[in-house]
Amino acid sequence: MSEILKGCSISWARSISEVDKDQWNRLAAELNFPFLRWQWLNLVESSGSACIETGWIPIHLLIHKDGILVAAAALYMKTHSDGEFIFDRVWSEVAEKGDIRYYPKLVGMSPFTPATGYRFLIDPKEDREEMTSLMCKVLDRFSRINGLGSCAFHFVDARWALEMEKFGYSSWQHQGYSWENTGFNSFEDWLGTVNRNRRKTIRRERRELQRENIRVEPIYGENIPPKYFDFMYRLYERTNDRFGEWSCKFLTRDFFERLPEIAGDSVLFMTAFRGDSEDPLAMAMFTYSADKLWGRYWGCFEEVRFLHFELCYYSAFEWAIRHGIKYFDPGMGGEHKARRGFLSTPTYSLHRFINPSMDLTFKTYIQEVNQLENGYIKDMNDLLPVI
């Protein structure tokens, strides 16, 4: 599909591979968000992880001027809600009771990635509000023509969420976690900010791992041995298999085998070994960019008490402090994150339903839903072990 509208050439890419890599990355550069880089999206799609067969159909919006990409949106047509980490079953049930179409829907996000940072990619030289308005009109028309139930964006930049409300999108709040390095010089500096009981617990947990003869090593970038990517895939499978219907098993073996293509400046494995063994006992995978760190996947070949906390939190804190990381998003999870120093913060998804009745229903009740979520966020923060 291609047309001319307001001096812009509007087109759709059925794969990120159809888009010029350098032009896409030029627009994404200011975000400091690796999951919207061309290389990441291309790996997710070309590995067969996000594709027609898995219900993640790429349909990226592109706007060119004089052959130059000036705006873009990473988008996927969805026939289900799996892998989004936005649990919208309640809204799909409302639509079903009203005999209103819910699927297929259009979703803007980096697939299977509950990490905040999504927004439209717009050239800084363009009028951002004008271009955003144009993109929203194009998406609305595309959704109507193709019989879609809605258009939504997940884990969006908080400032962008406010901007999008003027274009008819409603903001839904969700509870997430974050950790901020406020100038710590060491792990002990951070440990000094938590209360005495939690400090004792953390030290006890780490000592127990030492008694188990467990050593932990951060391995990142070009220093990661190739075989570790296969280990991580096997652990990713094992962890997802444990969670059954709550799993998010979309990434293929090919994704992990080709991950070294983009790992040079963005991937960290926190790796646990027993004794002198050269093969990992457990691994946690992180992605980093500039001053930000994101927790992604974890798994173990042998259950060891407290090892999850060590790899996913404590050793990650140490690495973050040592490498000038200011913000650490550990991913989704339960109360154990709050009890180990992660602040609960709101994350946002944006929604616009094509059916006027469904859109009105969502707008009518979402404020109450958000108030309840804010209460839950407060409850989680009451668990913080701060002094």
Protein backbone atom coordinates (compact mmCIF):
# COMPACT_ATOMS: atom_id res chain seq x y z
CA MET A 1 0.00 0.00 0.00
CA SER A 2 1.44 3.38 -0.95
CA GLU A 3 -0.04 6.85 -1.38
CA ILE A 4 0.75 10.55 -1.18
CA LEU A 5 -0.78 12.50 1.72
CA LYS A 6 0.12 16.05 2.82
CA GLY A 7 3.36 15.97 0.88
CA CYS A 8 4.40 12.69 2.52
CA SER A 9 4.69 9.25 1.02
CA ILE A 10 2.86 6.80 3.27
CA SER A 11 3.73 3.11 3.01
CA TRP A 12 3.67 -0.14 5.01
CA ALA A 13 6.49 -2.66 5.44
CA ARG A 14 5.58 -6.33 5.91
CA SER A 15 8.99 -6.89 7.47
CA ILE A 16 11.57 -4.62 9.05
CA SER A 17 14.02 -6.09 6.53
CA GLU A 18 12.18 -4.06 3.86
CA VAL A 19 13.22 -0.85 5.64
CA ASP A 20 16.61 0.81 5.19
CA LYS A 21 18.58 -0.05 8.35
CA ASP A 22 20.51 3.22 8.60
CA GLN A 23 17.46 5.39 8.05
CA TRP A 24 15.43 3.50 10.67
CA ASN A 25 18.26 3.63 13.22
CA ARG A 26 18.77 7.34 12.59
CA LEU A 27 15.22 7.92 13.84
CA ALA A 28 15.58 5.48 16.75
CA ALA A 29 18.96 6.81 17.95
CA GLU A 30 17.60 9.45 20.33
CA LEU A 31 15.50 6.95 22.28
CA ASN A 32 18.38 5.03 23.92
CA PHE A 33 16.11 1.99 23.65
CA PRO A 34 17.77 -1.04 21.99
CA PHE A 35 14.52 -2.93 21.46
CA LEU A 36 13.44 -0.53 18.72
CA ARG A 37 16.72 -0.67 16.84
CA TRP A 38 16.52 -2.19 13.37
CA GLN A 39 18.92 -5.01 14.32
CA TRP A 40 16.78 -6.18 17.28
CA LEU A 41 13.50 -6.07 15.38
CA ASN A 42 15.06 -7.79 12.38
CA LEU A 43 16.40 -10.61 14.54
CA VAL A 44 13.03 -11.09 16.24
CA GLU A 45 11.22 -11.23 12.91
CA SER A 46 13.71 -13.09 10.69
CA SER A 47 14.26 -15.77 13.36
CA GLY A 48 10.61 -16.76 13.08
CA SER A 49 9.78 -15.45 16.55
CA ALA A 50 7.44 -12.65 15.46
CA CYS A 51 5.73 -13.78 12.27
CA ILE A 52 2.40 -14.85 10.80
CA GLU A 53 2.67 -18.34 12.32
CA THR A 54 3.03 -16.96 15.87
CA GLY A 55 0.28 -14.37 15.45
CA TRP A 56 2.68 -11.40 15.31
CA ILE A 57 2.31 -10.06 11.79
CA PRO A 58 4.71 -7.17 11.05
CA ILE A 59 3.04 -4.14 9.45
CA HIS A 60 5.34 -1.16 10.09
CA LEU A 61 4.18 2.34 9.17
CA LEU A 62 6.69 4.41 7.18
CA ILE A 63 6.57 8.06 6.13
CA HIS A 64 9.06 9.40 3.59
CA LYS A 65 9.80 12.82 2.22
CA ASP A 66 11.88 13.03 -0.93
CA GLY A 67 12.95 9.43 -0.42
CA ILE A 68 14.10 10.02 3.17
CA LEU A 69 12.43 8.24 6.09
CA VAL A 70 11.13 10.98 8.41
CA ALA A 71 8.77 8.99 10.64
CA ALA A 72 8.02 5.36 11.44
CA ALA A 73 6.14 3.12 13.84
CA ALA A 74 6.96 -0.49 14.70
CA LEU A 75 3.59 -2.26 14.50
CA TYR A 76 2.20 -5.79 14.53
CA MET A 77 -1.23 -7.10 13.63
CA LYS A 78 -2.34 -9.49 16.36
CA THR A 79 -4.93 -12.25 16.47
CA HIS A 80 -4.43 -12.82 20.20
CA SER A 81 -2.88 -11.02 23.18
CA ASP A 82 -0.12 -13.50 24.05
CA GLY A 83 3.36 -12.12 24.54
CA GLU A 84 2.21 -8.55 25.12
CA PHE A 85 2.38 -8.58 28.94
CA ILE A 86 -0.68 -6.32 28.91
CA PHE A 87 -3.36 -8.55 30.34
CA ASP A 88 -6.46 -7.30 28.54
CA ARG A 89 -8.77 -10.28 28.94
CA VAL A 90 -11.31 -8.18 30.81
CA TRP A 91 -11.68 -5.86 27.81
CA SER A 92 -11.93 -8.71 25.31
CA GLU A 93 -14.70 -10.21 27.45
CA VAL A 94 -16.55 -6.88 27.49
CA ALA A 95 -16.31 -6.74 23.70
CA GLU A 96 -17.50 -10.33 23.36
CA LYS A 97 -20.56 -9.69 25.52
CA GLY A 98 -21.41 -6.68 23.38
CA ASP A 99 -20.87 -8.65 20.17
CA ILE A 100 -18.07 -6.21 19.29
CA ARG A 101 -14.99 -7.18 17.27
CA TYR A 102 -11.84 -7.28 19.42
CA TYR A 103 -9.42 -9.18 17.17
CA PRO A 104 -7.52 -8.70 15.02
CA LYS A 105 -5.93 -5.62 16.54
CA LEU A 106 -2.94 -3.42 15.77
CA VAL A 107 -0.23 -3.30 18.45
CA GLY A 108 2.79 -1.04 18.67
CA MET A 109 5.61 -2.47 20.79
CA SER A 110 8.82 -4.45 20.59
CA PRO A 111 7.54 -8.04 20.59
CA PHE A 112 7.62 -9.98 23.86
CA THR A 113 9.39 -7.05 25.57
CA PRO A 114 7.78 -5.53 28.69
CA ALA A 115 10.31 -2.68 28.77
CA THR A 116 9.27 0.97 28.77
CA GLY A 117 10.40 3.11 25.87
CA TYR A 118 8.07 2.70 22.88
CA ARG A 119 7.00 5.73 20.85
CA PHE A 120 6.73 6.85 17.25
CA LEU A 121 10.09 7.43 15.59
CA ILE A 122 10.10 10.98 14.20
CA ASP A 123 12.90 13.01 12.68
CA PRO A 124 13.74 15.89 15.09
CA LYS A 125 13.59 18.29 12.13
CA GLU A 126 9.91 17.54 11.63
CA ASP A 127 7.04 19.14 13.53
CA ARG A 128 6.47 16.33 16.04
CA GLU A 129 2.84 17.14 16.83
CA GLU A 130 1.90 17.53 13.18
CA MET A 131 3.60 14.28 12.22
CA THR A 132 2.04 12.44 15.17
CA SER A 133 -1.39 13.70 14.13
CA LEU A 134 -0.81 12.46 10.59
CA MET A 135 0.33 9.03 11.79
CA CYS A 136 -2.68 8.66 14.08
CA LYS A 137 -5.06 9.50 11.22
CA VAL A 138 -3.35 6.97 8.97
CA LEU A 139 -3.57 4.28 11.67
CA ASP A 140 -7.22 5.04 12.35
CA ARG A 141 -8.10 4.76 8.67
CA PHE A 142 -6.03 1.61 8.25
CA SER A 143 -7.80 0.01 11.23
CA ARG A 144 -11.25 0.86 9.88
CA ILE A 145 -10.53 -0.28 6.33
CA ASN A 146 -9.10 -3.61 7.54
CA GLY A 147 -11.81 -4.32 10.11
CA LEU A 148 -9.54 -4.17 13.15
CA GLY A 149 -10.90 -3.94 16.69
CA SER A 150 -8.41 -1.43 18.06
CA CYS A 151 -5.00 0.15 17.90
CA ALA A 152 -2.82 0.01 21.01
CA PHE A 153 0.73 0.84 22.08
CA HIS A 154 2.38 -0.94 25.00
CA PHE A 155 5.09 0.06 27.50
CA VAL A 156 5.21 3.53 26.07
CA ASP A 157 7.36 6.46 27.07
CA ALA A 158 5.47 8.27 29.86
CA ARG A 159 5.74 11.70 28.25
CA TRP A 160 4.53 10.32 24.94
CA ALA A 161 1.51 8.81 26.69
CA LEU A 162 0.41 12.32 27.67
CA GLU A 163 0.98 13.59 24.14
CA MET A 164 -1.14 10.83 22.63
CA GLU A 165 -4.23 11.57 24.72
CA LYS A 166 -5.02 14.58 22.53
CA PHE A 167 -5.25 12.21 19.55
CA GLY A 168 -8.00 10.07 21.07
CA TYR A 169 -5.89 7.46 22.88
CA SER A 170 -6.69 6.51 26.47
CA SER A 171 -3.91 5.66 28.92
CA TRP A 172 -4.04 2.47 30.98
CA GLN A 173 -1.63 2.28 33.91
CA HIS A 174 0.19 -0.88 34.97
CA GLN A 175 2.56 -1.64 37.82
CA GLY A 176 6.22 -2.03 36.94
CA TYR A 177 9.58 -1.96 38.74
CA SER A 178 12.69 0.18 38.53
CA TRP A 179 15.95 0.74 40.38
CA GLU A 180 17.93 3.97 40.24
CA ASN A 181 21.61 4.42 40.93
CA THR A 182 21.64 7.68 42.87
CA GLY A 183 25.42 7.92 42.98
CA PHE A 184 26.50 4.65 44.60
CA ASN A 185 30.20 3.82 44.41
CA SER A 186 29.77 0.18 45.43
CA PHE A 187 27.24 -2.49 46.30
CA GLU A 188 27.88 -1.75 49.97
CA ASP A 189 26.87 1.86 49.35
CA TRP A 190 23.51 0.68 48.07
CA LEU A 191 23.19 -1.90 50.83
CA GLY A 192 23.57 0.93 53.33
CA THR A 193 20.28 2.41 52.11
CA VAL A 194 18.15 -0.61 53.07
CA ASN A 195 16.97 -1.39 56.58
CA ARG A 196 18.94 -3.55 58.97
CA ASN A 197 16.81 -6.70 58.64
CA ARG A 198 16.93 -6.75 54.86
CA ARG A 199 20.64 -5.96 54.88
CA LYS A 200 21.26 -8.98 57.12
CA THR A 201 19.07 -11.16 54.89
CA ILE A 202 20.91 -10.17 51.71
CA ARG A 203 24.31 -10.83 53.26
CA ARG A 204 23.12 -14.19 54.56
CA GLU A 205 21.78 -15.18 51.13
CA ARG A 206 25.10 -14.33 49.47
CA ARG A 207 27.13 -16.18 52.10
CA GLU A 208 25.03 -19.30 51.59
CA LEU A 209 25.86 -19.29 47.88
CA GLN A 210 29.55 -19.02 48.74
CA ARG A 211 29.20 -22.06 51.00
CA GLU A 212 27.60 -23.85 48.03
CA ASN A 213 30.82 -23.11 46.10
CA ILE A 214 28.93 -20.92 43.64
CA ARG A 215 30.82 -18.22 41.78
CA VAL A 216 29.19 -15.56 39.62
CA GLU A 217 30.76 -13.89 36.61
CA PRO A 218 29.37 -11.13 34.39
CA ILE A 219 30.15 -11.89 30.73
CA TYR A 220 29.12 -9.33 28.17
CA GLY A 221 29.51 -7.99 24.67
CA GLU A 222 32.15 -9.58 22.47
CA ASN A 223 33.52 -11.59 25.40
CA ILE A 224 30.52 -13.95 25.43
CA PRO A 225 31.53 -17.45 24.24
CA PRO A 226 29.29 -18.65 21.37
CA LYS A 227 28.13 -21.73 23.29
CA TYR A 228 26.57 -19.51 25.96
CA PHE A 229 23.83 -18.44 23.56
CA ASP A 230 22.78 -22.08 23.23
CA PHE A 231 22.84 -22.42 27.02
CA MET A 232 20.58 -19.38 27.27
CA TYR A 233 18.09 -20.80 24.78
CA ARG A 234 17.89 -24.07 26.73
CA LEU A 235 17.34 -22.13 29.95
CA TYR A 236 14.72 -19.92 28.28
CA GLU A 237 12.87 -23.10 27.26
CA ARG A 238 13.13 -24.66 30.72
CA THR A 239 11.87 -21.56 32.48
CA ASN A 240 8.91 -21.13 30.13
CA ASP A 241 8.00 -24.80 30.36
CA ARG A 242 7.65 -24.40 34.12
CA PHE A 243 5.04 -21.65 33.80
CA GLY A 244 2.62 -23.46 31.53
CA GLU A 245 -0.19 -21.16 30.38
CA TRP A 246 1.60 -18.18 31.93
CA SER A 247 4.69 -18.69 29.81
CA CYS A 248 5.83 -16.46 26.96
CA LYS A 249 7.69 -18.91 24.75
CA PHE A 250 8.02 -17.15 21.42
CA LEU A 251 11.76 -16.74 20.84
CA THR A 252 13.20 -19.50 18.65
CA ARG A 253 16.52 -21.29 18.84
CA ASP A 254 17.50 -19.33 15.73
CA PHE A 255 17.02 -16.08 17.66
CA PHE A 256 19.54 -17.12 20.29
CA GLU A 257 21.95 -18.64 17.78
CA ARG A 258 22.04 -15.35 15.88
CA LEU A 259 22.00 -13.13 18.97
CA PRO A 260 25.81 -12.66 18.74
CA GLU A 261 25.11 -10.51 15.66
CA ILE A 262 23.86 -7.75 17.96
CA ALA A 263 25.39 -8.72 21.31
CA GLY A 264 28.62 -6.77 20.93
CA ASP A 265 27.38 -3.62 22.64
CA SER A 266 24.12 -4.60 24.27
CA VAL A 267 23.98 -8.08 25.87
CA LEU A 268 25.11 -9.13 29.35
CA PHE A 269 24.99 -12.64 30.80
CA MET A 270 25.22 -12.89 34.58
CA THR A 271 26.54 -16.43 34.85
CA ALA A 272 26.78 -18.81 37.81
CA PHE A 273 29.23 -21.72 38.02
CA ARG A 274 29.77 -24.39 40.62
CA GLY A 275 33.40 -24.73 41.58
CA ASP A 276 35.79 -24.94 38.64
CA SER A 277 33.16 -26.01 36.12
CA GLU A 278 33.29 -24.18 32.81
CA ASP A 279 29.62 -24.82 32.03
CA PRO A 280 27.04 -22.53 33.62
CA LEU A 281 24.80 -23.70 36.42
CA ALA A 282 22.42 -20.80 35.76
CA MET A 283 22.28 -17.63 33.68
CA ALA A 284 20.42 -14.35 33.56
CA MET A 285 20.34 -12.32 30.37
CA PHE A 286 20.27 -8.51 30.35
CA THR A 287 20.30 -5.86 27.66
CA TYR A 288 22.00 -2.51 28.19
CA SER A 289 22.39 0.80 26.40
CA ALA A 290 24.27 3.86 27.66
CA ASP A 291 23.02 4.38 31.25
CA LYS A 292 20.16 1.85 31.20
CA LEU A 293 19.95 -1.87 31.99
CA TRP A 294 17.02 -4.22 31.35
CA GLY A 295 16.53 -7.68 32.82
CA ARG A 296 15.27 -10.10 30.17
CA TYR A 297 15.51 -13.87 30.79
CA TRP A 298 16.63 -16.23 33.52
CA GLY A 299 17.00 -19.97 33.99
CA CYS A 300 18.89 -22.65 35.91
CA PHE A 301 19.97 -26.21 35.20
CA GLU A 302 19.95 -26.95 38.92
CA GLU A 303 17.78 -25.39 41.62
CA VAL A 304 19.93 -23.54 44.15
CA ARG A 305 18.34 -21.48 46.89
CA PHE A 306 18.80 -17.70 46.50
CA LEU A 307 20.60 -18.05 43.15
CA HIS A 308 17.82 -16.25 41.29
CA PHE A 309 18.14 -13.21 43.56
CA GLU A 310 21.92 -13.19 43.16
CA LEU A 311 22.01 -13.34 39.37
CA CYS A 312 18.99 -11.20 38.59
CA TYR A 313 19.38 -8.53 41.31
CA TYR A 314 22.47 -8.33 43.52
CA SER A 315 25.16 -9.07 40.95
CA ALA A 316 23.25 -6.90 38.48
CA PHE A 317 23.35 -4.02 40.98
CA GLU A 318 27.11 -4.46 41.30
CA TRP A 319 27.61 -4.51 37.53
CA ALA A 320 25.34 -1.50 37.04
CA ILE A 321 27.21 0.56 39.65
CA ARG A 322 30.59 -0.43 38.20
CA HIS A 323 29.56 0.51 34.65
CA GLY A 324 27.78 3.78 35.29
CA ILE A 325 24.27 2.44 34.79
CA LYS A 326 21.72 4.83 36.27
CA TYR A 327 18.44 3.01 35.62
CA PHE A 328 17.72 -0.71 35.92
CA ASP A 329 14.40 -2.22 34.84
CA PRO A 330 14.33 -5.83 36.13
CA GLY A 331 11.23 -6.87 34.21
CA MET A 332 7.90 -8.02 35.54
CA GLY A 333 7.47 -9.99 38.75
CA GLY A 334 6.02 -10.23 42.22
CA GLU A 335 6.54 -8.90 45.72
CA HIS A 336 10.07 -10.30 46.00
CA LYS A 337 11.30 -7.46 43.79
CA ALA A 338 9.84 -4.83 46.11
CA ARG A 339 11.41 -6.52 49.13
CA ARG A 340 14.81 -6.33 47.41
CA GLY A 341 14.84 -2.65 46.67
CA PHE A 342 12.90 -2.16 43.42
CA LEU A 343 10.56 0.82 43.37
CA SER A 344 7.11 0.20 41.92
CA THR A 345 6.39 2.70 39.17
CA PRO A 346 3.54 3.12 36.68
CA THR A 347 3.98 1.90 33.13
CA TYR A 348 1.52 2.79 30.41
CA SER A 349 -0.33 1.35 27.44
CA LEU A 350 -2.45 3.42 25.06
CA HIS A 351 -5.73 2.25 23.54
CA ARG A 352 -8.17 3.45 20.91
CA PHE A 353 -11.09 1.19 19.98
CA ILE A 354 -12.66 1.44 16.55
CA ASN A 355 -16.16 0.66 17.78
CA PRO A 356 -17.51 3.89 19.40
CA SER A 357 -19.40 1.98 22.09
CA MET A 358 -16.31 -0.02 23.09
CA ASP A 359 -14.14 3.10 23.07
CA LEU A 360 -16.64 4.93 25.31
CA THR A 361 -16.81 1.96 27.70
CA PHE A 362 -13.02 1.89 28.00
CA LYS A 363 -12.81 5.66 28.57
CA THR A 364 -15.61 5.50 31.16
CA TYR A 365 -14.01 2.86 33.36
CA ILE A 366 -10.27 3.25 32.80
CA GLN A 367 -9.89 6.08 35.31
CA GLU A 368 -11.27 3.84 38.06
CA VAL A 369 -9.00 0.99 36.91
CA ASN A 370 -5.99 3.32 37.03
CA GLN A 371 -6.88 4.47 40.53
CA LEU A 372 -6.93 0.85 41.71
CA GLU A 373 -3.57 0.26 40.05
CA ASN A 374 -2.11 3.33 41.74
CA GLY A 375 -3.27 1.89 45.05
CA TYR A 376 -1.48 -1.38 44.27
CA ILE A 377 1.68 0.53 43.36
CA LYS A 378 1.53 2.28 46.73
CA ASP A 379 1.06 -1.04 48.52
CA MET A 380 4.13 -2.46 46.76
CA ASN A 381 6.21 0.56 47.70
CA ASP A 382 5.21 0.11 51.33
CA LEU A 383 7.21 -3.12 51.16
CA LEU A 384 10.44 -1.33 50.22
CA PRO A 385 13.18 -2.08 52.79
CA VAL A 386 14.31 1.54 52.99
CA ILE A 387 15.82 3.10 56.07
